[in-house]
Amino acid sequence: CAHCHTPSLGGIPLYSDLLLHEVAPEGSGLVDTHPGAEEREFRTPPLWGVGSTAPYLHDGSASTLEAAILLGHYGEGSGSREAFEALEGGERERLLGFLKGL
């Protein structure tokens, strides 16, 4: 997660690198509003307060943080999605609890 959701940026607990990353699935039609963004690129959003900002993803298609991880992490984010999928139930719940507490 921390590759794109960098815990601290310039000393600020941002959990983002504020960069564009190719994370949308093929054919998603995702277009970030930022000039120069490719079709599948999305700017990494900061995660502070993420527990109270549902729905998630650029279009609100994920109603939970778990769904956002599973549905919104392809391309450059696929390794993070796969690592999340490999977590045992208790580990997954601890990670989701951590995110909700940011």
PDB file of N, CA and C in Angstrom:
ATOM      1  N   CYS A   1       0.821  -1.203   0.000  1.00  0.00           N
ATOM      2  CA  CYS A   1       0.000   0.000   0.000  1.00  0.00           C
ATOM      3  C   CYS A   1       0.862   1.262   0.000  1.00  0.00           C
ATOM      4  N   ALA A   2       1.936   1.211   0.798  1.00  0.00           N
ATOM      5  CA  ALA A   2       2.743   2.406   1.032  1.00  0.00           C
ATOM      6  C   ALA A   2       3.534   2.855  -0.195  1.00  0.00           C
ATOM      7  N   HIS A   3       3.570   2.028  -1.240  1.00  0.00           N
ATOM      8  CA  HIS A   3       4.260   2.461  -2.460  1.00  0.00           C
ATOM      9  C   HIS A   3       3.567   3.698  -3.037  1.00  0.00           C
ATOM     10  N   CYS A   4       2.250   3.699  -3.073  1.00  0.00           N
ATOM     11  CA  CYS A   4       1.495   4.851  -3.582  1.00  0.00           C
ATOM     12  C   CYS A   4       0.905   5.691  -2.444  1.00  0.00           C
ATOM     13  N   HIS A   5       0.445   5.023  -1.389  1.00  0.00           N
ATOM     14  CA  HIS A   5      -0.129   5.715  -0.240  1.00  0.00           C
ATOM     15  C   HIS A   5       0.977   5.923   0.796  1.00  0.00           C
ATOM     16  N   THR A   6       1.958   6.747   0.428  1.00  0.00           N
ATOM     17  CA  THR A   6       3.122   7.025   1.263  1.00  0.00           C
ATOM     18  C   THR A   6       2.665   7.579   2.612  1.00  0.00           C
ATOM     19  N   PRO A   7       3.079   6.918   3.719  1.00  0.00           N
ATOM     20  CA  PRO A   7       2.608   7.361   5.041  1.00  0.00           C
ATOM     21  C   PRO A   7       2.834   8.837   5.328  1.00  0.00           C
ATOM     22  N   SER A   8       3.975   9.377   4.922  1.00  0.00           N
ATOM     23  CA  SER A   8       4.275  10.767   5.221  1.00  0.00           C
ATOM     24  C   SER A   8       4.883  11.426   3.997  1.00  0.00           C
ATOM     25  N   LEU A   9       4.422  12.592   3.697  1.00  0.00           N
ATOM     26  CA  LEU A   9       4.948  13.363   2.573  1.00  0.00           C
ATOM     27  C   LEU A   9       5.348  14.728   3.112  1.00  0.00           C
ATOM     28  N   GLY A  10       6.637  14.958   3.188  1.00  0.00           N
ATOM     29  CA  GLY A  10       7.132  16.216   3.743  1.00  0.00           C
ATOM     30  C   GLY A  10       6.770  16.402   5.199  1.00  0.00           C
ATOM     31  N   GLY A  11       6.696  15.282   5.940  1.00  0.00           N
ATOM     32  CA  GLY A  11       6.371  15.350   7.357  1.00  0.00           C
ATOM     33  C   GLY A  11       4.886  15.381   7.663  1.00  0.00           C
ATOM     34  N   ILE A  12       4.057  15.403   6.645  1.00  0.00           N
ATOM     35  CA  ILE A  12       2.604  15.422   6.833  1.00  0.00           C
ATOM     36  C   ILE A  12       2.081  13.988   6.681  1.00  0.00           C
ATOM     37  N   PRO A  13       1.287  13.484   7.628  1.00  0.00           N
ATOM     38  CA  PRO A  13       0.761  12.122   7.540  1.00  0.00           C
ATOM     39  C   PRO A  13      -0.338  12.024   6.479  1.00  0.00           C
ATOM     40  N   LEU A  14       0.082  11.984   5.245  1.00  0.00           N
ATOM     41  CA  LEU A  14      -0.832  12.103   4.110  1.00  0.00           C
ATOM     42  C   LEU A  14      -1.347  10.772   3.594  1.00  0.00           C
ATOM     43  N   TYR A  15      -0.522   9.738   3.635  1.00  0.00           N
ATOM     44  CA  TYR A  15      -0.840   8.440   3.046  1.00  0.00           C
ATOM     45  C   TYR A  15      -1.214   8.596   1.577  1.00  0.00           C
ATOM     46  N   SER A  16      -0.364   9.317   0.856  1.00  0.00           N
ATOM     47  CA  SER A  16      -0.495   9.517  -0.585  1.00  0.00           C
ATOM     48  C   SER A  16       0.825  10.037  -1.118  1.00  0.00           C
ATOM     49  N   ASP A  17       1.059   9.817  -2.395  1.00  0.00           N
ATOM     50  CA  ASP A  17       2.203  10.465  -3.035  1.00  0.00           C
ATOM     51  C   ASP A  17       1.724  11.546  -4.004  1.00  0.00           C
ATOM     52  N   LEU A  18       0.399  11.685  -4.115  1.00  0.00           N
ATOM     53  CA  LEU A  18      -0.256  12.687  -4.958  1.00  0.00           C
ATOM     54  C   LEU A  18       0.112  12.552  -6.439  1.00  0.00           C
ATOM     55  N   LEU A  19       0.589  11.380  -6.834  1.00  0.00           N
ATOM     56  CA  LEU A  19       0.977  11.153  -8.222  1.00  0.00           C
ATOM     57  C   LEU A  19      -0.094  10.369  -8.965  1.00  0.00           C
ATOM     58  N   LEU A  20      -0.009  10.409 -10.284  1.00  0.00           N
ATOM     59  CA  LEU A  20      -0.895   9.607 -11.117  1.00  0.00           C
ATOM     60  C   LEU A  20      -0.348   8.190 -11.207  1.00  0.00           C
ATOM     61  N   HIS A  21      -1.225   7.210 -11.050  1.00  0.00           N
ATOM     62  CA  HIS A  21      -0.845   5.806 -11.160  1.00  0.00           C
ATOM     63  C   HIS A  21      -1.871   5.084 -12.019  1.00  0.00           C
ATOM     64  N   GLU A  22      -1.401   4.142 -12.805  1.00  0.00           N
ATOM     65  CA  GLU A  22      -2.294   3.322 -13.624  1.00  0.00           C
ATOM     66  C   GLU A  22      -2.871   2.227 -12.734  1.00  0.00           C
ATOM     67  N   VAL A  23      -4.101   2.409 -12.284  1.00  0.00           N
ATOM     68  CA  VAL A  23      -4.718   1.466 -11.354  1.00  0.00           C
ATOM     69  C   VAL A  23      -6.089   0.971 -11.800  1.00  0.00           C
ATOM     70  N   ALA A  24      -6.653   1.556 -12.832  1.00  0.00           N
ATOM     71  CA  ALA A  24      -7.977   1.156 -13.286  1.00  0.00           C
ATOM     72  C   ALA A  24      -7.878  -0.084 -14.166  1.00  0.00           C
ATOM     73  N   PRO A  25      -8.904  -0.933 -14.153  1.00  0.00           N
ATOM     74  CA  PRO A  25      -8.889  -2.114 -15.006  1.00  0.00           C
ATOM     75  C   PRO A  25      -9.013  -1.734 -16.484  1.00  0.00           C
ATOM     76  N   GLU A  26      -8.583  -2.619 -17.358  1.00  0.00           N
ATOM     77  CA  GLU A  26      -8.707  -2.408 -18.807  1.00  0.00           C
ATOM     78  C   GLU A  26     -10.152  -2.078 -19.150  1.00  0.00           C
ATOM     79  N   GLY A  27     -10.352  -1.116 -20.030  1.00  0.00           N
ATOM     80  CA  GLY A  27     -11.685  -0.770 -20.515  1.00  0.00           C
ATOM     81  C   GLY A  27     -12.570  -0.054 -19.520  1.00  0.00           C
ATOM     82  N   SER A  28     -11.993   0.425 -18.430  1.00  0.00           N
ATOM     83  CA  SER A  28     -12.813   1.068 -17.397  1.00  0.00           C
ATOM     84  C   SER A  28     -13.301   2.450 -17.813  1.00  0.00           C
ATOM     85  N   GLY A  29     -12.565   3.070 -18.731  1.00  0.00           N
ATOM     86  CA  GLY A  29     -12.947   4.403 -19.158  1.00  0.00           C
ATOM     87  C   GLY A  29     -12.634   5.474 -18.141  1.00  0.00           C
ATOM     88  N   LEU A  30     -11.861   5.130 -17.115  1.00  0.00           N
ATOM     89  CA  LEU A  30     -11.479   6.101 -16.091  1.00  0.00           C
ATOM     90  C   LEU A  30     -10.613   7.181 -16.717  1.00  0.00           C
ATOM     91  N   VAL A  31     -10.993   8.399 -16.524  1.00  0.00           N
ATOM     92  CA  VAL A  31     -10.182   9.517 -17.005  1.00  0.00           C
ATOM     93  C   VAL A  31     -10.078  10.511 -15.865  1.00  0.00           C
ATOM     94  N   ASP A  32      -8.876  10.690 -15.355  1.00  0.00           N
ATOM     95  CA  ASP A  32      -8.644  11.667 -14.298  1.00  0.00           C
ATOM     96  C   ASP A  32      -8.769  13.046 -14.925  1.00  0.00           C
ATOM     97  N   THR A  33      -9.207  14.000 -14.165  1.00  0.00           N
ATOM     98  CA  THR A  33      -9.409  15.344 -14.687  1.00  0.00           C
ATOM     99  C   THR A  33      -8.113  16.126 -14.825  1.00  0.00           C
ATOM    100  N   HIS A  34      -6.996  15.525 -14.450  1.00  0.00           N
ATOM    101  CA  HIS A  34      -5.726  16.226 -14.504  1.00  0.00           C
ATOM    102  C   HIS A  34      -5.129  16.161 -15.898  1.00  0.00           C
ATOM    103  N   PRO A  35      -4.610  17.281 -16.409  1.00  0.00           N
ATOM    104  CA  PRO A  35      -3.988  17.292 -17.733  1.00  0.00           C
ATOM    105  C   PRO A  35      -2.859  16.273 -17.818  1.00  0.00           C
ATOM    106  N   GLY A  36      -2.809  15.568 -18.904  1.00  0.00           N
ATOM    107  CA  GLY A  36      -1.751  14.598 -19.137  1.00  0.00           C
ATOM    108  C   GLY A  36      -2.029  13.218 -18.590  1.00  0.00           C
ATOM    109  N   ALA A  37      -3.153  13.012 -17.914  1.00  0.00           N
ATOM    110  CA  ALA A  37      -3.479  11.699 -17.358  1.00  0.00           C
ATOM    111  C   ALA A  37      -3.883  10.761 -18.483  1.00  0.00           C
ATOM    112  N   GLU A  38      -3.411   9.532 -18.381  1.00  0.00           N
ATOM    113  CA  GLU A  38      -3.800   8.491 -19.325  1.00  0.00           C
ATOM    114  C   GLU A  38      -5.155   7.926 -18.917  1.00  0.00           C
ATOM    115  N   GLU A  39      -5.755   7.138 -19.802  1.00  0.00           N
ATOM    116  CA  GLU A  39      -7.108   6.626 -19.581  1.00  0.00           C
ATOM    117  C   GLU A  39      -7.272   5.831 -18.286  1.00  0.00           C
ATOM    118  N   ARG A  40      -6.255   5.079 -17.883  1.00  0.00           N
ATOM    119  CA  ARG A  40      -6.361   4.218 -16.701  1.00  0.00           C
ATOM    120  C   ARG A  40      -5.672   4.802 -15.473  1.00  0.00           C
ATOM    121  N   GLU A  41      -5.238   6.064 -15.547  1.00  0.00           N
ATOM    122  CA  GLU A  41      -4.521   6.676 -14.431  1.00  0.00           C
ATOM    123  C   GLU A  41      -5.456   7.427 -13.488  1.00  0.00           C
ATOM    124  N   PHE A  42      -5.076   7.393 -12.238  1.00  0.00           N
ATOM    125  CA  PHE A  42      -5.828   8.078 -11.201  1.00  0.00           C
ATOM    126  C   PHE A  42      -4.842   8.640 -10.192  1.00  0.00           C
ATOM    127  N   ARG A  43      -5.099   9.833  -9.713  1.00  0.00           N
ATOM    128  CA  ARG A  43      -4.222  10.452  -8.718  1.00  0.00           C
ATOM    129  C   ARG A  43      -4.491   9.803  -7.364  1.00  0.00           C
ATOM    130  N   THR A  44      -3.425   9.374  -6.689  1.00  0.00           N
ATOM    131  CA  THR A  44      -3.547   8.710  -5.396  1.00  0.00           C
ATOM    132  C   THR A  44      -4.151   9.679  -4.380  1.00  0.00           C
ATOM    133  N   PRO A  45      -5.335   9.354  -3.873  1.00  0.00           N
ATOM    134  CA  PRO A  45      -5.946  10.260  -2.897  1.00  0.00           C
ATOM    135  C   PRO A  45      -5.322  10.088  -1.518  1.00  0.00           C
ATOM    136  N   PRO A  46      -5.268  11.138  -0.724  1.00  0.00           N
ATOM    137  CA  PRO A  46      -4.819  10.999   0.663  1.00  0.00           C
ATOM    138  C   PRO A  46      -5.793  10.087   1.416  1.00  0.00           C
ATOM    139  N   LEU A  47      -5.282   9.320   2.372  1.00  0.00           N
ATOM    140  CA  LEU A  47      -6.139   8.398   3.107  1.00  0.00           C
ATOM    141  C   LEU A  47      -6.568   8.923   4.475  1.00  0.00           C
ATOM    142  N   TRP A  48      -6.096  10.126   4.889  1.00  0.00           N
ATOM    143  CA  TRP A  48      -6.524  10.603   6.198  1.00  0.00           C
ATOM    144  C   TRP A  48      -8.043  10.796   6.168  1.00  0.00           C
ATOM    145  N   GLY A  49      -8.714  10.329   7.174  1.00  0.00           N
ATOM    146  CA  GLY A  49     -10.165  10.435   7.254  1.00  0.00           C
ATOM    147  C   GLY A  49     -10.921   9.492   6.344  1.00  0.00           C
ATOM    148  N   VAL A  50     -10.226   8.548   5.717  1.00  0.00           N
ATOM    149  CA  VAL A  50     -10.865   7.679   4.729  1.00  0.00           C
ATOM    150  C   VAL A  50     -12.014   6.858   5.323  1.00  0.00           C
ATOM    151  N   GLY A  51     -11.944   6.574   6.604  1.00  0.00           N
ATOM    152  CA  GLY A  51     -12.990   5.782   7.235  1.00  0.00           C
ATOM    153  C   GLY A  51     -14.354   6.440   7.230  1.00  0.00           C
ATOM    154  N   SER A  52     -14.396   7.736   7.013  1.00  0.00           N
ATOM    155  CA  SER A  52     -15.683   8.444   7.035  1.00  0.00           C
ATOM    156  C   SER A  52     -16.006   9.117   5.706  1.00  0.00           C
ATOM    157  N   THR A  53     -15.421   8.612   4.620  1.00  0.00           N
ATOM    158  CA  THR A  53     -15.642   9.270   3.328  1.00  0.00           C
ATOM    159  C   THR A  53     -16.280   8.372   2.277  1.00  0.00           C
ATOM    160  N   ALA A  54     -16.944   7.299   2.706  1.00  0.00           N
ATOM    161  CA  ALA A  54     -17.614   6.412   1.743  1.00  0.00           C
ATOM    162  C   ALA A  54     -18.699   7.183   1.007  1.00  0.00           C
ATOM    163  N   PRO A  55     -19.003   6.830  -0.204  1.00  0.00           N
ATOM    164  CA  PRO A  55     -18.470   5.715  -0.987  1.00  0.00           C
ATOM    165  C   PRO A  55     -17.099   6.052  -1.555  1.00  0.00           C
ATOM    166  N   TYR A  56     -16.422   5.014  -2.035  1.00  0.00           N
ATOM    167  CA  TYR A  56     -15.032   5.137  -2.455  1.00  0.00           C
ATOM    168  C   TYR A  56     -14.863   4.969  -3.963  1.00  0.00           C
ATOM    169  N   LEU A  57     -13.656   5.218  -4.390  1.00  0.00           N
ATOM    170  CA  LEU A  57     -13.211   5.209  -5.789  1.00  0.00           C
ATOM    171  C   LEU A  57     -13.695   6.469  -6.489  1.00  0.00           C
ATOM    172  N   HIS A  58     -13.180   6.714  -7.656  1.00  0.00           N
ATOM    173  CA  HIS A  58     -13.459   7.967  -8.368  1.00  0.00           C
ATOM    174  C   HIS A  58     -14.932   8.160  -8.673  1.00  0.00           C
ATOM    175  N   ASP A  59     -15.670   7.059  -8.771  1.00  0.00           N
ATOM    176  CA  ASP A  59     -17.078   7.145  -9.163  1.00  0.00           C
ATOM    177  C   ASP A  59     -18.034   6.701  -8.059  1.00  0.00           C
ATOM    178  N   GLY A  60     -17.508   6.456  -6.858  1.00  0.00           N
ATOM    179  CA  GLY A  60     -18.359   6.037  -5.755  1.00  0.00           C
ATOM    180  C   GLY A  60     -18.871   4.614  -5.869  1.00  0.00           C
ATOM    181  N   SER A  61     -18.227   3.785  -6.690  1.00  0.00           N
ATOM    182  CA  SER A  61     -18.716   2.429  -6.933  1.00  0.00           C
ATOM    183  C   SER A  61     -18.376   1.432  -5.833  1.00  0.00           C
ATOM    184  N   ALA A  62     -17.548   1.806  -4.876  1.00  0.00           N
ATOM    185  CA  ALA A  62     -17.195   0.910  -3.770  1.00  0.00           C
ATOM    186  C   ALA A  62     -17.791   1.457  -2.478  1.00  0.00           C
ATOM    187  N   SER A  63     -18.657   0.677  -1.859  1.00  0.00           N
ATOM    188  CA  SER A  63     -19.322   1.160  -0.654  1.00  0.00           C
ATOM    189  C   SER A  63     -18.510   0.911   0.611  1.00  0.00           C
ATOM    190  N   THR A  64     -17.482   0.059   0.516  1.00  0.00           N
ATOM    191  CA  THR A  64     -16.632  -0.237   1.674  1.00  0.00           C
ATOM    192  C   THR A  64     -15.166  -0.082   1.297  1.00  0.00           C
ATOM    193  N   LEU A  65     -14.314   0.027   2.310  1.00  0.00           N
ATOM    194  CA  LEU A  65     -12.877   0.089   2.050  1.00  0.00           C
ATOM    195  C   LEU A  65     -12.392  -1.207   1.416  1.00  0.00           C
ATOM    196  N   GLU A  66     -12.914  -2.332   1.871  1.00  0.00           N
ATOM    197  CA  GLU A  66     -12.532  -3.618   1.285  1.00  0.00           C
ATOM    198  C   GLU A  66     -12.864  -3.651  -0.203  1.00  0.00           C
ATOM    199  N   ALA A  67     -14.041  -3.200  -0.564  1.00  0.00           N
ATOM    200  CA  ALA A  67     -14.423  -3.159  -1.981  1.00  0.00           C
ATOM    201  C   ALA A  67     -13.521  -2.210  -2.758  1.00  0.00           C
ATOM    202  N   ALA A  68     -13.133  -1.090  -2.162  1.00  0.00           N
ATOM    203  CA  ALA A  68     -12.245  -0.144  -2.841  1.00  0.00           C
ATOM    204  C   ALA A  68     -10.893  -0.785  -3.136  1.00  0.00           C
ATOM    205  N   ILE A  69     -10.384  -1.569  -2.195  1.00  0.00           N
ATOM    206  CA  ILE A  69      -9.106  -2.245  -2.411  1.00  0.00           C
ATOM    207  C   ILE A  69      -9.250  -3.287  -3.509  1.00  0.00           C
ATOM    208  N   LEU A  70     -10.300  -4.067  -3.457  1.00  0.00           N
ATOM    209  CA  LEU A  70     -10.486  -5.159  -4.406  1.00  0.00           C
ATOM    210  C   LEU A  70     -10.879  -4.681  -5.797  1.00  0.00           C
ATOM    211  N   LEU A  71     -11.655  -3.610  -5.889  1.00  0.00           N
ATOM    212  CA  LEU A  71     -12.148  -3.131  -7.183  1.00  0.00           C
ATOM    213  C   LEU A  71     -11.302  -2.031  -7.806  1.00  0.00           C
ATOM    214  N   GLY A  72     -10.505  -1.346  -6.995  1.00  0.00           N
ATOM    215  CA  GLY A  72      -9.814  -0.168  -7.499  1.00  0.00           C
ATOM    216  C   GLY A  72      -8.308  -0.273  -7.583  1.00  0.00           C
ATOM    217  N   HIS A  73      -7.787  -1.480  -7.538  1.00  0.00           N
ATOM    218  CA  HIS A  73      -6.334  -1.638  -7.553  1.00  0.00           C
ATOM    219  C   HIS A  73      -5.895  -2.648  -8.603  1.00  0.00           C
ATOM    220  N   TYR A  74      -5.790  -2.189  -9.825  1.00  0.00           N
ATOM    221  CA  TYR A  74      -5.290  -2.991 -10.943  1.00  0.00           C
ATOM    222  C   TYR A  74      -4.001  -2.349 -11.430  1.00  0.00           C
ATOM    223  N   GLY A  75      -3.408  -2.847 -12.480  1.00  0.00           N
ATOM    224  CA  GLY A  75      -2.182  -2.256 -13.006  1.00  0.00           C
ATOM    225  C   GLY A  75      -1.143  -2.112 -11.920  1.00  0.00           C
ATOM    226  N   GLU A  76      -0.692  -0.894 -11.682  1.00  0.00           N
ATOM    227  CA  GLU A  76       0.324  -0.638 -10.655  1.00  0.00           C
ATOM    228  C   GLU A  76      -0.150  -1.032  -9.252  1.00  0.00           C
ATOM    229  N   GLY A  77      -1.441  -1.075  -9.030  1.00  0.00           N
ATOM    230  CA  GLY A  77      -1.978  -1.408  -7.715  1.00  0.00           C
ATOM    231  C   GLY A  77      -2.289  -2.880  -7.520  1.00  0.00           C
ATOM    232  N   SER A  78      -2.052  -3.706  -8.541  1.00  0.00           N
ATOM    233  CA  SER A  78      -2.432  -5.118  -8.442  1.00  0.00           C
ATOM    234  C   SER A  78      -1.661  -5.857  -7.352  1.00  0.00           C
ATOM    235  N   GLY A  79      -0.414  -5.506  -7.132  1.00  0.00           N
ATOM    236  CA  GLY A  79       0.363  -6.159  -6.070  1.00  0.00           C
ATOM    237  C   GLY A  79      -0.244  -5.905  -4.698  1.00  0.00           C
ATOM    238  N   SER A  80      -0.719  -4.694  -4.474  1.00  0.00           N
ATOM    239  CA  SER A  80      -1.358  -4.377  -3.200  1.00  0.00           C
ATOM    240  C   SER A  80      -2.678  -5.117  -3.056  1.00  0.00           C
ATOM    241  N   ARG A  81      -3.455  -5.192  -4.139  1.00  0.00           N
ATOM    242  CA  ARG A  81      -4.723  -5.924  -4.101  1.00  0.00           C
ATOM    243  C   ARG A  81      -4.459  -7.400  -3.800  1.00  0.00           C
ATOM    244  N   GLU A  82      -3.476  -7.983  -4.470  1.00  0.00           N
ATOM    245  CA  GLU A  82      -3.152  -9.396  -4.261  1.00  0.00           C
ATOM    246  C   GLU A  82      -2.653  -9.652  -2.848  1.00  0.00           C
ATOM    247  N   ALA A  83      -1.858  -8.745  -2.303  1.00  0.00           N
ATOM    248  CA  ALA A  83      -1.388  -8.890  -0.920  1.00  0.00           C
ATOM    249  C   ALA A  83      -2.561  -8.825   0.048  1.00  0.00           C
ATOM    250  N   PHE A  84      -3.519  -7.935  -0.211  1.00  0.00           N
ATOM    251  CA  PHE A  84      -4.709  -7.834   0.629  1.00  0.00           C
ATOM    252  C   PHE A  84      -5.526  -9.116   0.543  1.00  0.00           C
ATOM    253  N   GLU A  85      -5.693  -9.642  -0.652  1.00  0.00           N
ATOM    254  CA  GLU A  85      -6.455 -10.878  -0.838  1.00  0.00           C
ATOM    255  C   GLU A  85      -5.810 -12.051  -0.106  1.00  0.00           C
ATOM    256  N   ALA A  86      -4.485 -12.032   0.026  1.00  0.00           N
ATOM    257  CA  ALA A  86      -3.764 -13.119   0.677  1.00  0.00           C
ATOM    258  C   ALA A  86      -3.791 -13.039   2.201  1.00  0.00           C
ATOM    259  N   LEU A  87      -4.234 -11.916   2.752  1.00  0.00           N
ATOM    260  CA  LEU A  87      -4.281 -11.771   4.207  1.00  0.00           C
ATOM    261  C   LEU A  87      -5.310 -12.723   4.805  1.00  0.00           C
ATOM    262  N   GLU A  88      -4.977 -13.264   5.958  1.00  0.00           N
ATOM    263  CA  GLU A  88      -5.934 -14.069   6.721  1.00  0.00           C
ATOM    264  C   GLU A  88      -6.990 -13.124   7.300  1.00  0.00           C
ATOM    265  N   GLY A  89      -8.154 -13.640   7.651  1.00  0.00           N
ATOM    266  CA  GLY A  89      -9.268 -12.835   8.134  1.00  0.00           C
ATOM    267  C   GLY A  89      -8.916 -11.816   9.189  1.00  0.00           C
ATOM    268  N   GLY A  90      -8.172 -12.223  10.225  1.00  0.00           N
ATOM    269  CA  GLY A  90      -7.821 -11.299  11.296  1.00  0.00           C
ATOM    270  C   GLY A  90      -6.895 -10.193  10.831  1.00  0.00           C
ATOM    271  N   GLU A  91      -5.940 -10.528   9.963  1.00  0.00           N
ATOM    272  CA  GLU A  91      -5.021  -9.521   9.432  1.00  0.00           C
ATOM    273  C   GLU A  91      -5.769  -8.524   8.566  1.00  0.00           C
ATOM    274  N   ARG A  92      -6.682  -9.021   7.779  1.00  0.00           N
ATOM    275  CA  ARG A  92      -7.478  -8.157   6.906  1.00  0.00           C
ATOM    276  C   ARG A  92      -8.283  -7.174   7.749  1.00  0.00           C
ATOM    277  N   GLU A  93      -8.900  -7.662   8.800  1.00  0.00           N
ATOM    278  CA  GLU A  93      -9.701  -6.797   9.666  1.00  0.00           C
ATOM    279  C   GLU A  93      -8.836  -5.762  10.377  1.00  0.00           C
ATOM    280  N   ARG A  94      -7.616  -6.133  10.776  1.00  0.00           N
ATOM    281  CA  ARG A  94      -6.710  -5.174  11.417  1.00  0.00           C
ATOM    282  C   ARG A  94      -6.307  -4.078  10.433  1.00  0.00           C
ATOM    283  N   LEU A  95      -6.035  -4.456   9.187  1.00  0.00           N
ATOM    284  CA  LEU A  95      -5.686  -3.449   8.178  1.00  0.00           C
ATOM    285  C   LEU A  95      -6.857  -2.507   7.931  1.00  0.00           C
ATOM    286  N   LEU A  96      -8.049  -3.065   7.799  1.00  0.00           N
ATOM    287  CA  LEU A  96      -9.223  -2.215   7.574  1.00  0.00           C
ATOM    288  C   LEU A  96      -9.469  -1.321   8.782  1.00  0.00           C
ATOM    289  N   GLY A  97      -9.250  -1.828   9.982  1.00  0.00           N
ATOM    290  CA  GLY A  97      -9.376  -1.020  11.201  1.00  0.00           C
ATOM    291  C   GLY A  97      -8.371   0.113  11.225  1.00  0.00           C
ATOM    292  N   PHE A  98      -7.130  -0.177  10.798  1.00  0.00           N
ATOM    293  CA  PHE A  98      -6.100   0.859  10.712  1.00  0.00           C
ATOM    294  C   PHE A  98      -6.550   1.970   9.755  1.00  0.00           C
ATOM    295  N   LEU A  99      -7.022   1.571   8.583  1.00  0.00           N
ATOM    296  CA  LEU A  99      -7.458   2.567   7.601  1.00  0.00           C
ATOM    297  C   LEU A  99      -8.605   3.414   8.141  1.00  0.00           C
ATOM    298  N   LYS A 100      -9.543   2.780   8.809  1.00  0.00           N
ATOM    299  CA  LYS A 100     -10.686   3.515   9.363  1.00  0.00           C
ATOM    300  C   LYS A 100     -10.270   4.495  10.449  1.00  0.00           C
ATOM    301  N   GLY A 101      -9.118   4.239  11.073  1.00  0.00           N
ATOM    302  CA  GLY A 101      -8.639   5.104  12.142  1.00  0.00           C
ATOM    303  C   GLY A 101      -7.768   6.259  11.679  1.00  0.00           C
ATOM    304  N   LEU A 102      -7.455   6.314  10.386  1.00  0.00           N
ATOM    305  CA  LEU A 102      -6.613   7.402   9.894  1.00  0.00           C
ATOM    306  C   LEU A 102      -7.338   8.734   9.911  1.00  0.00           C
TER     307      LEU A 102
END
